[in-house]
């Protein structure tokens, strides 16, 4: 019986660190236009990652081109343990992990689940300026186009905005309602 207990303890001690440590979602900041390459390399390293994309439409006078583009340019989300962070940072195209005050910022599993749901459902999704209540904005369309003011509340909107506060980005789903943009 004692030998079986020692064998079990030895087996647990020999487990790789990444299997016993808790994993959390982080945002990896990438070089410009390297998001897809970084995601592929992370998958080759057997690390769970998420690169949300949207369908971008480019119109020229003679044609229309549809392509997939990163929803959050410059970012790839990755789920890793503390021991696996070095593998992420060693990935070609990764500049750093998003951090505040020198401490890596973790993302909520609920935010990642929302992003996955939106991407898997095939929702009409696109990037949206990160707008916060109290921020100066400019009206883009309609009778008040060009007017500037402070965003106090957004009422009667059919647009759902999902904000990822850690990287200060947001996503709009179902484009309807008054368009506003943040001013500098």
C-alpha atoms as a PDB file:
ATOM      1  CA  UNK A   1       0.000   0.000   0.000  1.00  0.00           C
ATOM      2  CA  UNK A   2       2.825   2.380   0.921  1.00  0.00           C
ATOM      3  CA  UNK A   3       4.598   1.587  -2.371  1.00  0.00           C
ATOM      4  CA  UNK A   4       1.458   2.437  -4.355  1.00  0.00           C
ATOM      5  CA  UNK A   5       1.183   5.766  -2.539  1.00  0.00           C
ATOM      6  CA  UNK A   6       4.822   6.575  -3.312  1.00  0.00           C
ATOM      7  CA  UNK A   7       4.334   5.588  -6.965  1.00  0.00           C
ATOM      8  CA  UNK A   8       1.305   7.872  -7.223  1.00  0.00           C
ATOM      9  CA  UNK A   9       3.212  10.757  -5.619  1.00  0.00           C
ATOM     10  CA  UNK A  10       6.145  10.176  -7.982  1.00  0.00           C
ATOM     11  CA  UNK A  11       3.808  10.141 -10.997  1.00  0.00           C
ATOM     12  CA  UNK A  12       2.229  13.435  -9.931  1.00  0.00           C
ATOM     13  CA  UNK A  13       5.667  14.995  -9.398  1.00  0.00           C
ATOM     14  CA  UNK A  14       6.734  13.955 -12.912  1.00  0.00           C
ATOM     15  CA  UNK A  15       3.760  15.658 -14.586  1.00  0.00           C
ATOM     16  CA  UNK A  16       4.755  18.567 -16.832  1.00  0.00           C
ATOM     17  CA  UNK A  17       4.316  21.956 -15.162  1.00  0.00           C
ATOM     18  CA  UNK A  18       1.856  23.209 -17.747  1.00  0.00           C
ATOM     19  CA  UNK A  19      -0.655  20.462 -16.859  1.00  0.00           C
ATOM     20  CA  UNK A  20      -0.720  21.243 -13.138  1.00  0.00           C
ATOM     21  CA  UNK A  21      -0.622  25.046 -13.282  1.00  0.00           C
ATOM     22  CA  UNK A  22      -3.820  27.026 -13.852  1.00  0.00           C
ATOM     23  CA  UNK A  23      -4.170  28.574 -17.281  1.00  0.00           C
ATOM     24  CA  UNK A  24      -5.486  32.046 -17.994  1.00  0.00           C
ATOM     25  CA  UNK A  25      -6.261  34.036 -21.128  1.00  0.00           C
ATOM     26  CA  UNK A  26      -3.739  36.721 -22.095  1.00  0.00           C
ATOM     27  CA  UNK A  27      -3.493  39.133 -25.008  1.00  0.00           C
ATOM     28  CA  UNK A  28      -0.275  38.910 -26.995  1.00  0.00           C
ATOM     29  CA  UNK A  29       0.681  42.100 -28.808  1.00  0.00           C
ATOM     30  CA  UNK A  30       2.024  41.292 -32.288  1.00  0.00           C
ATOM     31  CA  UNK A  31       4.001  43.030 -34.981  1.00  0.00           C
ATOM     32  CA  UNK A  32       1.892  44.776 -37.583  1.00  0.00           C
ATOM     33  CA  UNK A  33       0.082  42.285 -39.865  1.00  0.00           C
ATOM     34  CA  UNK A  34       1.586  39.224 -38.122  1.00  0.00           C
ATOM     35  CA  UNK A  35      -1.549  38.053 -36.306  1.00  0.00           C
ATOM     36  CA  UNK A  36      -2.226  35.030 -38.557  1.00  0.00           C
ATOM     37  CA  UNK A  37       1.417  33.876 -38.485  1.00  0.00           C
ATOM     38  CA  UNK A  38       1.531  34.188 -34.686  1.00  0.00           C
ATOM     39  CA  UNK A  39      -1.724  32.212 -34.304  1.00  0.00           C
ATOM     40  CA  UNK A  40      -0.393  29.432 -36.557  1.00  0.00           C
ATOM     41  CA  UNK A  41       2.879  29.220 -34.616  1.00  0.00           C
ATOM     42  CA  UNK A  42       1.045  29.111 -31.275  1.00  0.00           C
ATOM     43  CA  UNK A  43      -1.128  26.256 -32.566  1.00  0.00           C
ATOM     44  CA  UNK A  44       2.009  24.399 -33.714  1.00  0.00           C
ATOM     45  CA  UNK A  45       3.341  24.798 -30.157  1.00  0.00           C
ATOM     46  CA  UNK A  46       0.083  23.173 -28.934  1.00  0.00           C
ATOM     47  CA  UNK A  47      -1.025  26.371 -27.170  1.00  0.00           C
ATOM     48  CA  UNK A  48      -4.718  27.295 -27.240  1.00  0.00           C
ATOM     49  CA  UNK A  49      -5.190  30.616 -28.992  1.00  0.00           C
ATOM     50  CA  UNK A  50      -7.971  32.734 -30.447  1.00  0.00           C
ATOM     51  CA  UNK A  51      -7.697  35.083 -33.412  1.00  0.00           C
ATOM     52  CA  UNK A  52     -11.164  36.553 -34.034  1.00  0.00           C
ATOM     53  CA  UNK A  53     -11.657  37.738 -37.612  1.00  0.00           C
ATOM     54  CA  UNK A  54     -14.338  39.541 -39.580  1.00  0.00           C
ATOM     55  CA  UNK A  55     -15.196  39.748 -43.244  1.00  0.00           C
ATOM     56  CA  UNK A  56     -13.781  42.923 -44.725  1.00  0.00           C
ATOM     57  CA  UNK A  57     -15.206  44.269 -47.966  1.00  0.00           C
ATOM     58  CA  UNK A  58     -13.036  46.484 -50.162  1.00  0.00           C
ATOM     59  CA  UNK A  59     -14.773  48.279 -53.025  1.00  0.00           C
ATOM     60  CA  UNK A  60     -13.028  49.574 -56.095  1.00  0.00           C
ATOM     61  CA  UNK A  61     -14.625  51.089 -59.163  1.00  0.00           C
ATOM     62  CA  UNK A  62     -14.340  47.814 -61.086  1.00  0.00           C
ATOM     63  CA  UNK A  63     -14.695  45.126 -58.366  1.00  0.00           C
ATOM     64  CA  UNK A  64     -15.468  44.155 -54.814  1.00  0.00           C
ATOM     65  CA  UNK A  65     -13.019  42.073 -52.795  1.00  0.00           C
ATOM     66  CA  UNK A  66     -13.980  40.154 -49.656  1.00  0.00           C
ATOM     67  CA  UNK A  67     -11.305  38.975 -47.239  1.00  0.00           C
ATOM     68  CA  UNK A  68     -10.868  37.984 -43.599  1.00  0.00           C
ATOM     69  CA  UNK A  69      -9.092  40.455 -41.317  1.00  0.00           C
ATOM     70  CA  UNK A  70      -8.241  40.408 -37.600  1.00  0.00           C
ATOM     71  CA  UNK A  71     -11.008  41.849 -35.448  1.00  0.00           C
ATOM     72  CA  UNK A  72      -8.373  43.314 -33.119  1.00  0.00           C
ATOM     73  CA  UNK A  73      -5.377  44.266 -35.286  1.00  0.00           C
ATOM     74  CA  UNK A  74      -2.130  43.630 -33.452  1.00  0.00           C
ATOM     75  CA  UNK A  75      -3.537  41.150 -30.902  1.00  0.00           C
ATOM     76  CA  UNK A  76      -3.837  37.377 -30.544  1.00  0.00           C
ATOM     77  CA  UNK A  77      -5.429  35.854 -27.445  1.00  0.00           C
ATOM     78  CA  UNK A  78      -3.702  32.852 -25.877  1.00  0.00           C
ATOM     79  CA  UNK A  79      -4.498  30.601 -22.904  1.00  0.00           C
ATOM     80  CA  UNK A  80      -1.337  29.660 -21.037  1.00  0.00           C
ATOM     81  CA  UNK A  81       0.077  28.919 -17.614  1.00  0.00           C
ATOM     82  CA  UNK A  82       2.829  31.043 -16.068  1.00  0.00           C
ATOM     83  CA  UNK A  83       5.421  28.494 -17.228  1.00  0.00           C
ATOM     84  CA  UNK A  84       4.221  28.694 -20.846  1.00  0.00           C
ATOM     85  CA  UNK A  85       4.479  32.493 -21.130  1.00  0.00           C
ATOM     86  CA  UNK A  86       8.097  32.247 -22.274  1.00  0.00           C
ATOM     87  CA  UNK A  87       7.008  30.032 -25.217  1.00  0.00           C
ATOM     88  CA  UNK A  88       4.560  32.743 -26.284  1.00  0.00           C
ATOM     89  CA  UNK A  89       7.203  35.483 -26.031  1.00  0.00           C
ATOM     90  CA  UNK A  90       9.636  33.353 -28.072  1.00  0.00           C
ATOM     91  CA  UNK A  91       7.137  33.160 -30.941  1.00  0.00           C
ATOM     92  CA  UNK A  92       8.237  35.071 -34.042  1.00  0.00           C
ATOM     93  CA  UNK A  93       6.031  38.148 -34.422  1.00  0.00           C
ATOM     94  CA  UNK A  94       5.057  38.473 -30.741  1.00  0.00           C
ATOM     95  CA  UNK A  95       6.225  41.810 -29.344  1.00  0.00           C
ATOM     96  CA  UNK A  96       5.004  41.411 -25.758  1.00  0.00           C
ATOM     97  CA  UNK A  97       2.111  40.394 -23.553  1.00  0.00           C
ATOM     98  CA  UNK A  98      -0.349  43.152 -22.674  1.00  0.00           C
ATOM     99  CA  UNK A  99       0.458  44.398 -19.183  1.00  0.00           C
ATOM    100  CA  UNK A 100      -0.236  47.234 -16.779  1.00  0.00           C
ATOM    101  CA  UNK A 101       2.357  48.437 -14.323  1.00  0.00           C
ATOM    102  CA  UNK A 102       4.680  45.601 -15.337  1.00  0.00           C
ATOM    103  CA  UNK A 103       2.087  42.924 -14.485  1.00  0.00           C
ATOM    104  CA  UNK A 104       0.523  40.824 -17.250  1.00  0.00           C
ATOM    105  CA  UNK A 105      -3.208  41.505 -17.604  1.00  0.00           C
ATOM    106  CA  UNK A 106      -5.516  38.479 -17.711  1.00  0.00           C
ATOM    107  CA  UNK A 107      -8.733  38.394 -19.702  1.00  0.00           C
ATOM    108  CA  UNK A 108     -11.993  37.085 -18.319  1.00  0.00           C
ATOM    109  CA  UNK A 109     -13.107  33.678 -19.622  1.00  0.00           C
ATOM    110  CA  UNK A 110     -16.564  35.253 -20.148  1.00  0.00           C
ATOM    111  CA  UNK A 111     -15.119  37.826 -22.587  1.00  0.00           C
ATOM    112  CA  UNK A 112     -13.351  35.077 -24.534  1.00  0.00           C
ATOM    113  CA  UNK A 113     -16.565  33.017 -24.577  1.00  0.00           C
ATOM    114  CA  UNK A 114     -18.510  36.023 -25.928  1.00  0.00           C
ATOM    115  CA  UNK A 115     -15.946  36.548 -28.695  1.00  0.00           C
ATOM    116  CA  UNK A 116     -16.019  32.855 -29.630  1.00  0.00           C
ATOM    117  CA  UNK A 117     -19.810  32.830 -29.697  1.00  0.00           C
ATOM    118  CA  UNK A 118     -19.941  35.872 -31.969  1.00  0.00           C
ATOM    119  CA  UNK A 119     -17.347  34.437 -34.349  1.00  0.00           C
ATOM    120  CA  UNK A 120     -18.898  30.945 -34.447  1.00  0.00           C
ATOM    121  CA  UNK A 121     -22.447  32.215 -34.953  1.00  0.00           C
ATOM    122  CA  UNK A 122     -21.401  34.053 -38.103  1.00  0.00           C
ATOM    123  CA  UNK A 123     -22.784  37.286 -36.689  1.00  0.00           C
ATOM    124  CA  UNK A 124     -22.335  40.475 -38.615  1.00  0.00           C
ATOM    125  CA  UNK A 125     -19.343  41.623 -36.596  1.00  0.00           C
ATOM    126  CA  UNK A 126     -16.784  44.366 -37.210  1.00  0.00           C
ATOM    127  CA  UNK A 127     -14.276  46.464 -35.247  1.00  0.00           C
ATOM    128  CA  UNK A 128     -15.674  49.489 -33.465  1.00  0.00           C
ATOM    129  CA  UNK A 129     -13.910  52.434 -31.806  1.00  0.00           C
ATOM    130  CA  UNK A 130     -13.511  51.971 -28.071  1.00  0.00           C
ATOM    131  CA  UNK A 131     -16.042  54.449 -26.675  1.00  0.00           C
ATOM    132  CA  UNK A 132     -16.538  55.153 -22.995  1.00  0.00           C
ATOM    133  CA  UNK A 133     -19.169  57.226 -21.242  1.00  0.00           C
ATOM    134  CA  UNK A 134     -17.722  60.706 -20.730  1.00  0.00           C
ATOM    135  CA  UNK A 135     -15.522  60.557 -23.843  1.00  0.00           C
ATOM    136  CA  UNK A 136     -15.610  63.264 -26.525  1.00  0.00           C
ATOM    137  CA  UNK A 137     -17.220  61.992 -29.732  1.00  0.00           C
ATOM    138  CA  UNK A 138     -18.067  63.316 -33.205  1.00  0.00           C
ATOM    139  CA  UNK A 139     -21.302  62.445 -35.034  1.00  0.00           C
ATOM    140  CA  UNK A 140     -20.496  60.868 -38.411  1.00  0.00           C
ATOM    141  CA  UNK A 141     -23.875  60.732 -40.226  1.00  0.00           C
ATOM    142  CA  UNK A 142     -27.300  62.289 -40.157  1.00  0.00           C
ATOM    143  CA  UNK A 143     -28.512  65.840 -39.531  1.00  0.00           C
ATOM    144  CA  UNK A 144     -25.972  66.349 -36.726  1.00  0.00           C
ATOM    145  CA  UNK A 145     -22.943  65.166 -38.720  1.00  0.00           C
ATOM    146  CA  UNK A 146     -19.796  66.975 -37.620  1.00  0.00           C
ATOM    147  CA  UNK A 147     -21.150  67.959 -34.201  1.00  0.00           C
ATOM    148  CA  UNK A 148     -18.970  67.100 -31.233  1.00  0.00           C
ATOM    149  CA  UNK A 149     -19.990  66.380 -27.685  1.00  0.00           C
ATOM    150  CA  UNK A 150     -19.526  64.096 -24.721  1.00  0.00           C
ATOM    151  CA  UNK A 151     -20.949  60.593 -24.847  1.00  0.00           C
ATOM    152  CA  UNK A 152     -23.322  60.444 -21.898  1.00  0.00           C
ATOM    153  CA  UNK A 153     -25.548  57.522 -22.807  1.00  0.00           C
ATOM    154  CA  UNK A 154     -26.366  55.516 -25.910  1.00  0.00           C
ATOM    155  CA  UNK A 155     -30.135  54.922 -25.990  1.00  0.00           C
ATOM    156  CA  UNK A 156     -32.429  53.195 -28.453  1.00  0.00           C
ATOM    157  CA  UNK A 157     -29.532  51.535 -30.197  1.00  0.00           C
ATOM    158  CA  UNK A 158     -29.731  48.277 -32.062  1.00  0.00           C
ATOM    159  CA  UNK A 159     -25.972  47.970 -31.888  1.00  0.00           C
ATOM    160  CA  UNK A 160     -24.392  45.792 -29.234  1.00  0.00           C
ATOM    161  CA  UNK A 161     -20.877  46.856 -28.284  1.00  0.00           C
ATOM    162  CA  UNK A 162     -18.655  44.307 -26.587  1.00  0.00           C
ATOM    163  CA  UNK A 163     -15.680  46.010 -24.937  1.00  0.00           C
ATOM    164  CA  UNK A 164     -12.422  44.265 -24.063  1.00  0.00           C
ATOM    165  CA  UNK A 165     -11.185  46.689 -21.427  1.00  0.00           C
ATOM    166  CA  UNK A 166      -7.741  45.156 -20.969  1.00  0.00           C
ATOM    167  CA  UNK A 167      -6.691  46.089 -24.507  1.00  0.00           C
ATOM    168  CA  UNK A 168      -9.105  49.020 -24.815  1.00  0.00           C
ATOM    169  CA  UNK A 169     -10.837  47.657 -27.903  1.00  0.00           C
ATOM    170  CA  UNK A 170     -14.497  47.087 -28.699  1.00  0.00           C
ATOM    171  CA  UNK A 171     -16.573  45.249 -31.274  1.00  0.00           C
ATOM    172  CA  UNK A 172     -19.938  46.243 -32.758  1.00  0.00           C
ATOM    173  CA  UNK A 173     -22.517  43.684 -33.847  1.00  0.00           C
ATOM    174  CA  UNK A 174     -25.530  44.415 -36.118  1.00  0.00           C
ATOM    175  CA  UNK A 175     -24.677  47.809 -37.567  1.00  0.00           C
ATOM    176  CA  UNK A 176     -27.650  50.139 -37.031  1.00  0.00           C
ATOM    177  CA  UNK A 177     -28.197  53.428 -35.251  1.00  0.00           C
ATOM    178  CA  UNK A 178     -26.320  56.724 -35.148  1.00  0.00           C
ATOM    179  CA  UNK A 179     -22.617  56.537 -35.945  1.00  0.00           C
ATOM    180  CA  UNK A 180     -20.221  58.340 -33.651  1.00  0.00           C
ATOM    181  CA  UNK A 181     -16.452  58.367 -33.478  1.00  0.00           C
ATOM    182  CA  UNK A 182     -14.090  59.253 -30.667  1.00  0.00           C
ATOM    183  CA  UNK A 183     -12.258  62.545 -31.046  1.00  0.00           C
ATOM    184  CA  UNK A 184      -8.710  63.220 -29.968  1.00  0.00           C
END
